Amino acid sequence: MSDKVRILIVDDDDIYRSFLSMIIKDIPGVELVGVAGNGQVALSKLKSRSVDLVLLDLVMPIMNGLETLKHIRHDFPDVAVVIISGIYAEDADSVVEALQIGALDYVSKMGDSGDSISSDLHLRLNTIIGLVSSRKTMRSARLTVGNKAPVRKGLKKPERTPVIIDQMSMVAPPVTVKQPSRPALPAKIAVVTIAASTGGPNALLEVIPKLPGDLGVPVLVVQHMPAHLTASFAESLARKSSLTVREAANGEEILPNVVYIAPGGRHTIVKPDQINPLTSGRRFIWQNDDPPENSVRPAADVLFKSMGMVYGGNILVVILTGMGYDGANGVRAMKDKGCYCLSQTEDTCVVYGMPRAVDDAGLSDEKVPLDLIAFRIVGIIKGTGEKMA
């Protein structure tokens, strides 16, 4: 098996295909194995050659990106797909749907920062390729171990679930000393807050729609996502959920049974009632343009630290799949107030980065598989159900 990450570009624009090819060939450890002008050609190439990563445009003739992605997820589940598309408003819903279907990430054709388009794409693709390379290495190691491990007669060989290691979190973990988890739940949960990054749109689709409409508390979500996508993402979740789901607006009051998605490009924080902060009990959402924290904006750490000051220990925090370690320092700050923390289990993460940072720091009270997180949230709020490992 080749150590290089093998890439297929799928885009109907000849000029942009050449532009992407030029950038990819300048990245070490990769091999461009082909290009395709539509989804049908791409699927044909996937059947005839080994591919690790597909860079997929959404708007194409004959077979568009969404249909192509659905086929890839069904027929080639080990192949990672990154959507590379424009930043037009009409594309937002399609990008969100792609991320919920299982696209690993989204990269704008226009670039996402103040750098030149080529340098911005080079940086983003470098990070993604590093992640795909880690997936490939782990998959190869599992196959090697699986082939060597003896299987006793009459016993089923245990299934091995893909585990993806986040190289960024290994390089710069926010904390190194483990702390004991709090053994008891808070007497009351007043709010739920959730942080997610890579793989998060699909994970949140697994969690939010399963929560009942009478949950009784608000839910604040930070999902690392470009500014032009968060409104569409909130609308998509709202169509599938019993709770009200919307993109958080600056200055609005936080109400029970509402899910607030932090808008991309701005930090979201929580403040008490400015007129009667000690007596009214009302809380409000505020947003700012402070510098990125942990290289992201919005940052979960920024929201979490503000929540600890406003809600005290009556917080249930959930850390879902994501690259890096955003959220760990914020959980630590909330732990000082007495919050309770759930982290997504390693084997159900697309990227075990953000949950790992919390787990390694001893800040997680329960490690919960993705398909049980909504059930556990409800159980904690309603006072039912047993603590998980």
Protein backbone atom coordinates (compact mmCIF):
# COMPACT_ATOMS: atom_id res chain seq x y z
CA MET A 1 0.00 0.00 0.00
CA SER A 2 1.37 3.41 -1.02
CA ASP A 3 2.11 5.83 1.83
CA LYS A 4 1.03 8.76 -0.33
CA VAL A 5 -2.47 10.21 -0.12
CA ARG A 6 -4.06 9.54 -3.50
CA ILE A 7 -6.35 12.33 -4.68
CA LEU A 8 -9.05 12.54 -7.34
CA ILE A 9 -10.29 16.00 -8.45
CA VAL A 10 -13.91 16.21 -9.63
CA ASP A 11 -14.87 19.55 -11.18
CA ASP A 12 -16.36 20.51 -14.54
CA ASP A 13 -14.23 23.67 -14.81
CA ASP A 14 -11.04 22.87 -16.74
CA ILE A 15 -9.25 25.97 -15.46
CA TYR A 16 -10.06 25.28 -11.82
CA ARG A 17 -9.08 21.62 -12.18
CA SER A 18 -5.68 22.76 -13.44
CA PHE A 19 -5.41 25.28 -10.60
CA LEU A 20 -6.18 22.62 -7.98
CA SER A 21 -3.79 20.17 -9.65
CA MET A 22 -1.00 22.73 -9.44
CA ILE A 23 -1.61 23.26 -5.71
CA ILE A 24 -1.82 19.54 -4.95
CA LYS A 25 1.37 18.70 -6.79
CA ASP A 26 3.17 21.22 -4.55
CA ILE A 27 2.11 19.36 -1.37
CA PRO A 28 4.48 16.59 -0.24
CA GLY A 29 3.13 13.12 0.38
CA VAL A 30 0.32 13.24 -2.16
CA GLU A 31 -0.34 11.70 -5.56
CA LEU A 32 -2.86 13.09 -8.02
CA VAL A 33 -4.37 9.92 -9.53
CA GLY A 34 -6.89 11.56 -11.83
CA VAL A 35 -9.40 14.27 -12.68
CA ALA A 36 -13.05 14.06 -13.68
CA GLY A 37 -15.52 16.56 -15.11
CA ASN A 38 -18.66 15.08 -13.53
CA GLY A 39 -19.83 12.54 -10.99
CA GLN A 40 -20.35 9.68 -13.43
CA VAL A 41 -16.77 9.85 -14.64
CA ALA A 42 -15.58 10.14 -11.04
CA LEU A 43 -17.43 6.97 -9.95
CA SER A 44 -15.98 5.10 -12.91
CA LYS A 45 -12.46 6.16 -11.92
CA LEU A 46 -13.07 5.16 -8.29
CA LYS A 47 -13.91 1.64 -9.46
CA SER A 48 -10.68 1.32 -11.43
CA ARG A 49 -8.10 2.88 -9.12
CA SER A 50 -7.28 3.31 -5.45
CA VAL A 51 -8.26 6.74 -4.08
CA ASP A 52 -7.98 8.16 -0.55
CA LEU A 53 -9.44 11.64 -1.02
CA VAL A 54 -11.90 13.16 -3.48
CA LEU A 55 -12.01 16.94 -3.94
CA LEU A 56 -15.57 17.41 -5.13
CA ASP A 57 -17.35 20.34 -6.75
CA LEU A 58 -21.11 20.57 -6.20
CA VAL A 59 -22.41 22.15 -9.42
CA MET A 60 -21.65 19.86 -12.37
CA PRO A 61 -23.51 18.49 -15.39
CA ILE A 62 -24.76 14.88 -15.76
CA MET A 63 -24.26 14.04 -12.06
CA ASN A 64 -23.86 16.80 -9.50
CA GLY A 65 -21.76 16.76 -6.35
CA LEU A 66 -24.49 15.74 -3.89
CA GLU A 67 -25.51 12.70 -5.93
CA THR A 68 -21.86 11.78 -6.39
CA LEU A 69 -21.23 12.07 -2.65
CA LYS A 70 -24.17 9.78 -1.84
CA HIS A 71 -22.77 7.12 -4.19
CA ILE A 72 -19.27 7.46 -2.74
CA ARG A 73 -20.52 7.13 0.85
CA HIS A 74 -22.45 3.99 -0.12
CA ASP A 75 -19.97 2.30 -2.44
CA PHE A 76 -16.59 3.61 -1.22
CA PRO A 77 -17.04 4.36 2.52
CA ASP A 78 -13.29 4.55 3.21
CA VAL A 79 -12.78 7.36 0.68
CA ALA A 80 -12.78 10.82 2.26
CA VAL A 81 -14.63 13.58 0.42
CA VAL A 82 -13.99 17.31 0.75
CA ILE A 83 -16.41 19.73 -0.90
CA ILE A 84 -14.68 22.51 -2.83
CA SER A 85 -17.28 24.97 -4.01
CA GLY A 86 -18.09 28.65 -4.42
CA ILE A 87 -19.37 30.94 -1.69
CA TYR A 88 -22.62 31.88 -3.37
CA ALA A 89 -25.74 32.02 -1.21
CA GLU A 90 -27.53 29.49 -3.41
CA ASP A 91 -24.78 26.93 -2.70
CA ALA A 92 -25.11 27.11 1.09
CA ASP A 93 -27.94 24.59 1.46
CA SER A 94 -26.12 22.08 -0.75
CA VAL A 95 -22.88 22.47 1.20
CA VAL A 96 -24.70 21.94 4.50
CA GLU A 97 -26.45 18.86 3.13
CA ALA A 98 -23.12 17.48 1.94
CA LEU A 99 -21.58 17.93 5.39
CA GLN A 100 -24.57 16.23 6.99
CA ILE A 101 -24.35 13.34 4.53
CA GLY A 102 -20.74 12.80 5.56
CA ALA A 103 -18.36 15.05 3.64
CA LEU A 104 -15.23 15.45 5.73
CA ASP A 105 -14.94 19.20 5.26
CA TYR A 106 -15.75 22.17 3.05
CA VAL A 107 -13.25 24.49 1.39
CA SER A 108 -14.28 27.64 -0.44
CA LYS A 109 -12.95 28.12 -3.95
CA MET A 110 -12.45 31.75 -3.06
CA GLY A 111 -10.34 31.09 0.03
CA ASP A 112 -11.34 31.76 3.63
CA SER A 113 -8.77 34.25 4.88
CA GLY A 114 -6.99 37.41 3.89
CA ASP A 115 -4.21 35.43 2.24
CA SER A 116 -4.08 34.81 -1.48
CA ILE A 117 -6.46 32.16 -2.77
CA SER A 118 -3.64 29.76 -3.64
CA SER A 119 -1.86 30.05 -0.26
CA ASP A 120 -5.16 29.75 1.62
CA LEU A 121 -6.14 26.62 -0.30
CA HIS A 122 -2.65 25.20 0.14
CA LEU A 123 -2.89 25.64 3.91
CA ARG A 124 -6.40 24.15 4.19
CA LEU A 125 -5.57 21.21 1.95
CA ASN A 126 -2.35 20.54 3.87
CA THR A 127 -4.35 20.18 7.08
CA ILE A 128 -6.98 17.96 5.46
CA ILE A 129 -4.37 15.77 3.78
CA GLY A 130 -2.63 15.30 7.13
CA LEU A 131 -5.91 14.09 8.59
CA VAL A 132 -6.58 11.72 5.68
CA SER A 133 -3.02 10.41 5.98
CA SER A 134 -3.65 9.61 9.65
CA ARG A 135 -6.85 7.78 8.72
CA LYS A 136 -4.97 5.78 6.15
CA THR A 137 -2.18 4.86 8.55
CA MET A 138 -4.65 3.76 11.25
CA ARG A 139 -6.66 1.71 8.75
CA SER A 140 -3.49 -0.01 7.54
CA ALA A 141 -2.43 -0.76 11.13
CA ARG A 142 -5.83 -2.23 11.96
CA LEU A 143 -5.72 -4.46 8.89
CA THR A 144 -2.24 -5.68 9.80
CA VAL A 145 -3.23 -6.46 13.37
CA GLY A 146 -6.47 -8.07 12.23
CA ASN A 147 -4.69 -10.33 9.77
CA LYS A 148 -2.18 -11.50 12.40
CA ALA A 149 -4.59 -11.97 15.30
CA PRO A 150 -5.66 -15.61 15.81
CA VAL A 151 -9.37 -16.31 15.87
CA ARG A 152 -10.50 -19.14 18.10
CA LYS A 153 -13.11 -21.51 16.73
CA GLY A 154 -16.64 -20.73 17.75
CA LEU A 155 -15.84 -17.10 18.54
CA LYS A 156 -16.69 -14.13 16.36
CA LYS A 157 -13.87 -11.81 15.46
CA PRO A 158 -14.76 -8.46 17.10
CA GLU A 159 -15.64 -5.64 14.76
CA ARG A 160 -13.11 -2.86 14.56
CA THR A 161 -14.49 0.64 14.33
CA PRO A 162 -12.41 3.28 12.52
CA VAL A 163 -10.47 5.50 14.91
CA ILE A 164 -9.00 8.71 13.56
CA ILE A 165 -6.20 10.41 15.43
CA ASP A 166 -6.02 14.19 15.24
CA GLN A 167 -2.40 15.18 14.68
CA MET A 168 -3.04 18.79 15.73
CA SER A 169 -4.21 17.79 19.19
CA MET A 170 -1.17 15.54 19.63
CA VAL A 171 1.18 18.37 18.80
CA ALA A 172 -0.34 21.02 21.08
CA PRO A 173 -2.60 19.64 23.80
CA PRO A 174 -3.92 22.42 26.04
CA VAL A 175 -3.34 20.53 29.29
CA THR A 176 -1.18 17.62 30.38
CA VAL A 177 -2.18 16.90 33.98
CA LYS A 178 -5.21 14.70 34.48
CA GLN A 179 -7.78 15.80 37.04
CA PRO A 180 -10.40 13.64 38.73
CA SER A 181 -13.90 13.93 37.29
CA ARG A 182 -16.70 15.10 39.51
CA PRO A 183 -18.63 12.05 40.68
CA ALA A 184 -22.05 13.69 40.99
CA LEU A 185 -24.42 15.50 38.65
CA PRO A 186 -25.32 19.14 39.33
CA ALA A 187 -28.55 19.50 41.29
CA LYS A 188 -30.10 21.26 38.30
CA ILE A 189 -29.23 21.70 34.63
CA ALA A 190 -30.18 25.17 33.36
CA VAL A 191 -28.54 25.01 29.93
CA VAL A 192 -26.86 22.62 27.49
CA THR A 193 -23.91 23.72 25.38
CA ILE A 194 -22.31 21.73 22.57
CA ALA A 195 -19.02 22.14 20.69
CA ALA A 196 -18.13 20.44 17.41
CA SER A 197 -15.85 20.85 14.43
CA THR A 198 -14.83 18.36 11.72
CA GLY A 199 -17.61 15.80 11.40
CA GLY A 200 -19.84 17.98 13.56
CA PRO A 201 -22.67 18.71 11.10
CA ASN A 202 -23.34 15.00 10.73
CA ALA A 203 -22.96 14.42 14.50
CA LEU A 204 -25.32 17.27 15.39
CA LEU A 205 -27.84 15.82 12.95
CA GLU A 206 -27.66 12.68 15.07
CA VAL A 207 -28.16 14.60 18.34
CA ILE A 208 -30.42 17.65 17.94
CA PRO A 209 -33.40 16.04 16.14
CA LYS A 210 -33.55 13.35 18.86
CA LEU A 211 -34.09 15.91 21.63
CA PRO A 212 -37.74 16.40 22.64
CA GLY A 213 -39.56 19.68 22.07
CA ASP A 214 -40.17 20.00 25.81
CA LEU A 215 -36.51 19.61 26.80
CA GLY A 216 -37.01 22.49 29.24
CA VAL A 217 -33.65 24.23 28.78
CA PRO A 218 -31.89 26.14 25.99
CA VAL A 219 -29.10 24.59 23.90
CA LEU A 220 -26.16 26.70 22.68
CA VAL A 221 -24.04 25.24 19.89
CA VAL A 222 -20.63 26.20 18.50
CA GLN A 223 -19.96 24.40 15.22
CA HIS A 224 -16.83 25.59 13.40
CA MET A 225 -18.30 26.64 10.06
CA PRO A 226 -17.92 29.55 7.61
CA ALA A 227 -20.20 32.55 8.15
CA HIS A 228 -22.29 32.00 5.02
CA LEU A 229 -23.27 28.46 6.08
CA THR A 230 -24.50 28.69 9.68
CA ALA A 231 -27.94 30.11 8.87
CA SER A 232 -28.58 27.32 6.35
CA PHE A 233 -27.25 24.79 8.82
CA ALA A 234 -29.65 26.03 11.50
CA GLU A 235 -32.57 25.95 9.05
CA SER A 236 -31.69 22.40 8.04
CA LEU A 237 -31.66 21.22 11.66
CA ALA A 238 -34.90 23.10 12.37
CA ARG A 239 -36.73 21.17 9.64
CA LYS A 240 -35.77 17.89 11.29
CA SER A 241 -36.17 18.84 14.98
CA SER A 242 -38.93 19.20 17.57
CA LEU A 243 -36.99 21.99 19.25
CA THR A 244 -36.84 25.45 17.68
CA VAL A 245 -33.44 25.80 15.98
CA ARG A 246 -32.07 29.10 14.69
CA GLU A 247 -28.87 31.01 14.11
CA ALA A 248 -28.21 33.06 17.25
CA ALA A 249 -28.88 36.79 16.92
CA ASN A 250 -26.91 39.46 18.74
CA GLY A 251 -28.79 40.72 21.79
CA GLU A 252 -31.58 38.13 21.87
CA GLU A 253 -32.80 36.59 25.09
CA ILE A 254 -31.95 32.94 25.71
CA LEU A 255 -35.16 30.91 26.10
CA PRO A 256 -35.86 27.25 26.94
CA ASN A 257 -36.55 24.72 24.17
CA VAL A 258 -34.54 26.74 21.63
CA VAL A 259 -31.26 25.66 20.00
CA TYR A 260 -28.98 28.60 19.19
CA ILE A 261 -26.32 28.00 16.52
CA ALA A 262 -23.41 30.43 16.91
CA PRO A 263 -22.98 32.33 13.63
CA GLY A 264 -19.77 31.77 11.73
CA GLY A 265 -17.14 34.48 11.77
CA ARG A 266 -18.08 35.98 15.18
CA HIS A 267 -17.58 34.94 18.78
CA THR A 268 -20.75 34.26 20.76
CA ILE A 269 -20.91 34.91 24.51
CA VAL A 270 -23.60 34.90 27.21
CA LYS A 271 -24.37 37.86 29.47
CA PRO A 272 -26.90 38.36 32.28
CA ASP A 273 -29.65 40.96 32.16
CA GLN A 274 -27.77 44.27 32.12
CA ILE A 275 -30.57 46.16 33.91
CA ASN A 276 -31.28 43.72 36.75
CA PRO A 277 -28.39 41.22 36.63
CA LEU A 278 -28.91 39.85 40.14
CA THR A 279 -32.69 39.48 40.22
CA SER A 280 -34.21 38.92 36.79
CA GLY A 281 -32.53 35.60 35.94
CA ARG A 282 -32.66 36.50 32.25
CA ARG A 283 -29.67 35.78 30.00
CA PHE A 284 -28.82 37.17 26.59
CA ILE A 285 -26.62 36.32 23.62
CA TRP A 286 -23.96 38.80 22.59
CA GLN A 287 -21.47 38.60 19.78
CA ASN A 288 -18.15 40.24 19.08
CA ASP A 289 -15.35 40.39 16.53
CA ASP A 290 -12.47 39.71 18.92
CA PRO A 291 -9.49 37.87 17.41
CA PRO A 292 -9.84 34.13 16.74
CA GLU A 293 -9.08 31.83 19.66
CA ASN A 294 -7.55 28.40 18.97
CA SER A 295 -7.40 29.66 15.37
CA VAL A 296 -11.21 29.69 15.09
CA ARG A 297 -14.08 32.14 15.39
CA PRO A 298 -16.53 31.35 16.86
CA ALA A 299 -14.55 29.50 19.51
CA ALA A 300 -16.17 27.16 22.01
CA ASP A 301 -13.67 28.31 24.65
CA VAL A 302 -14.96 31.89 24.40
CA LEU A 303 -18.60 30.84 24.80
CA PHE A 304 -17.85 28.33 27.57
CA LYS A 305 -15.90 30.77 29.72
CA SER A 306 -18.74 33.30 29.54
CA MET A 307 -21.31 30.63 30.39
CA GLY A 308 -19.46 29.58 33.52
CA MET A 309 -19.66 33.14 34.81
CA VAL A 310 -23.40 33.44 34.08
CA TYR A 311 -24.81 29.96 34.73
CA GLY A 312 -22.41 28.78 37.43
CA GLY A 313 -22.35 25.00 37.74
CA ASN A 314 -25.79 24.36 36.23
CA ILE A 315 -24.34 23.55 32.81
CA LEU A 316 -24.27 20.33 30.80
CA VAL A 317 -21.49 20.56 28.22
CA VAL A 318 -21.08 18.12 25.32
CA ILE A 319 -17.88 17.83 23.26
CA LEU A 320 -18.38 16.23 19.87
CA THR A 321 -16.03 15.20 17.07
CA GLY A 322 -13.59 17.84 15.86
CA MET A 323 -10.05 18.67 14.91
CA GLY A 324 -7.85 20.50 17.41
CA TYR A 325 -8.62 21.22 21.05
CA ASP A 326 -11.10 24.10 21.12
CA GLY A 327 -13.37 23.74 24.14
CA ALA A 328 -10.95 22.09 26.58
CA ASN A 329 -9.93 25.27 28.37
CA GLY A 330 -13.53 26.43 28.46
CA VAL A 331 -14.63 23.14 30.02
CA ARG A 332 -11.90 23.56 32.62
CA ALA A 333 -13.25 27.02 33.48
CA MET A 334 -16.80 25.67 33.77
CA LYS A 335 -15.56 22.72 35.86
CA ASP A 336 -14.37 25.21 38.46
CA LYS A 337 -18.06 26.17 38.80
CA GLY A 338 -19.29 22.55 38.87
CA CYS A 339 -20.49 21.80 35.33
CA TYR A 340 -21.02 18.25 34.00
CA CYS A 341 -19.27 17.13 30.81
CA LEU A 342 -20.04 14.49 28.21
CA SER A 343 -17.50 13.65 25.50
CA GLN A 344 -18.12 11.64 22.35
CA THR A 345 -16.39 8.26 22.41
CA GLU A 346 -13.26 7.84 20.33
CA ASP A 347 -14.66 5.05 18.18
CA THR A 348 -17.65 7.15 17.03
CA CYS A 349 -15.68 10.32 16.21
CA VAL A 350 -14.74 11.36 12.70
CA VAL A 351 -11.81 13.17 14.34
CA TYR A 352 -10.92 12.36 17.94
CA GLY A 353 -9.33 15.73 18.62
CA MET A 354 -11.60 17.98 20.69
CA PRO A 355 -13.03 15.09 22.76
CA ARG A 356 -9.55 13.70 23.25
CA ALA A 357 -8.28 16.99 24.66
CA VAL A 358 -11.08 16.91 27.24
CA ASP A 359 -10.63 13.21 27.98
CA ASP A 360 -6.86 13.43 28.41
CA ALA A 361 -7.26 16.36 30.80
CA GLY A 362 -9.62 14.33 33.00
CA LEU A 363 -12.45 16.80 32.37
CA SER A 364 -14.99 14.37 30.93
CA ASP A 365 -17.50 12.89 33.37
CA GLU A 366 -18.91 10.43 30.85
CA LYS A 367 -17.73 9.16 27.48
CA VAL A 368 -20.84 8.51 25.40
CA PRO A 369 -21.26 6.97 21.90
CA LEU A 370 -22.74 9.37 19.38
CA ASP A 371 -26.01 7.47 18.99
CA LEU A 372 -26.66 7.68 22.76
CA ILE A 373 -25.73 11.31 23.40
CA ALA A 374 -29.25 12.73 22.91
CA PHE A 375 -30.64 9.99 25.17
CA ARG A 376 -28.08 10.83 27.83
CA ILE A 377 -28.73 14.60 27.61
CA VAL A 378 -32.43 14.00 28.23
CA GLY A 379 -31.69 11.54 31.03
CA ILE A 380 -29.46 14.02 32.86
CA ILE A 381 -31.91 16.91 32.51
CA LYS A 382 -34.92 14.83 33.52
CA GLY A 383 -33.03 12.94 36.25
CA THR A 384 -33.40 9.51 34.65
CA GLY A 385 -30.91 6.94 33.35
CA GLU A 386 -27.65 5.60 34.70
CA LYS A 387 -24.24 7.22 34.39
CA MET A 388 -22.18 5.81 31.49
CA ALA A 389 -18.48 4.93 31.58
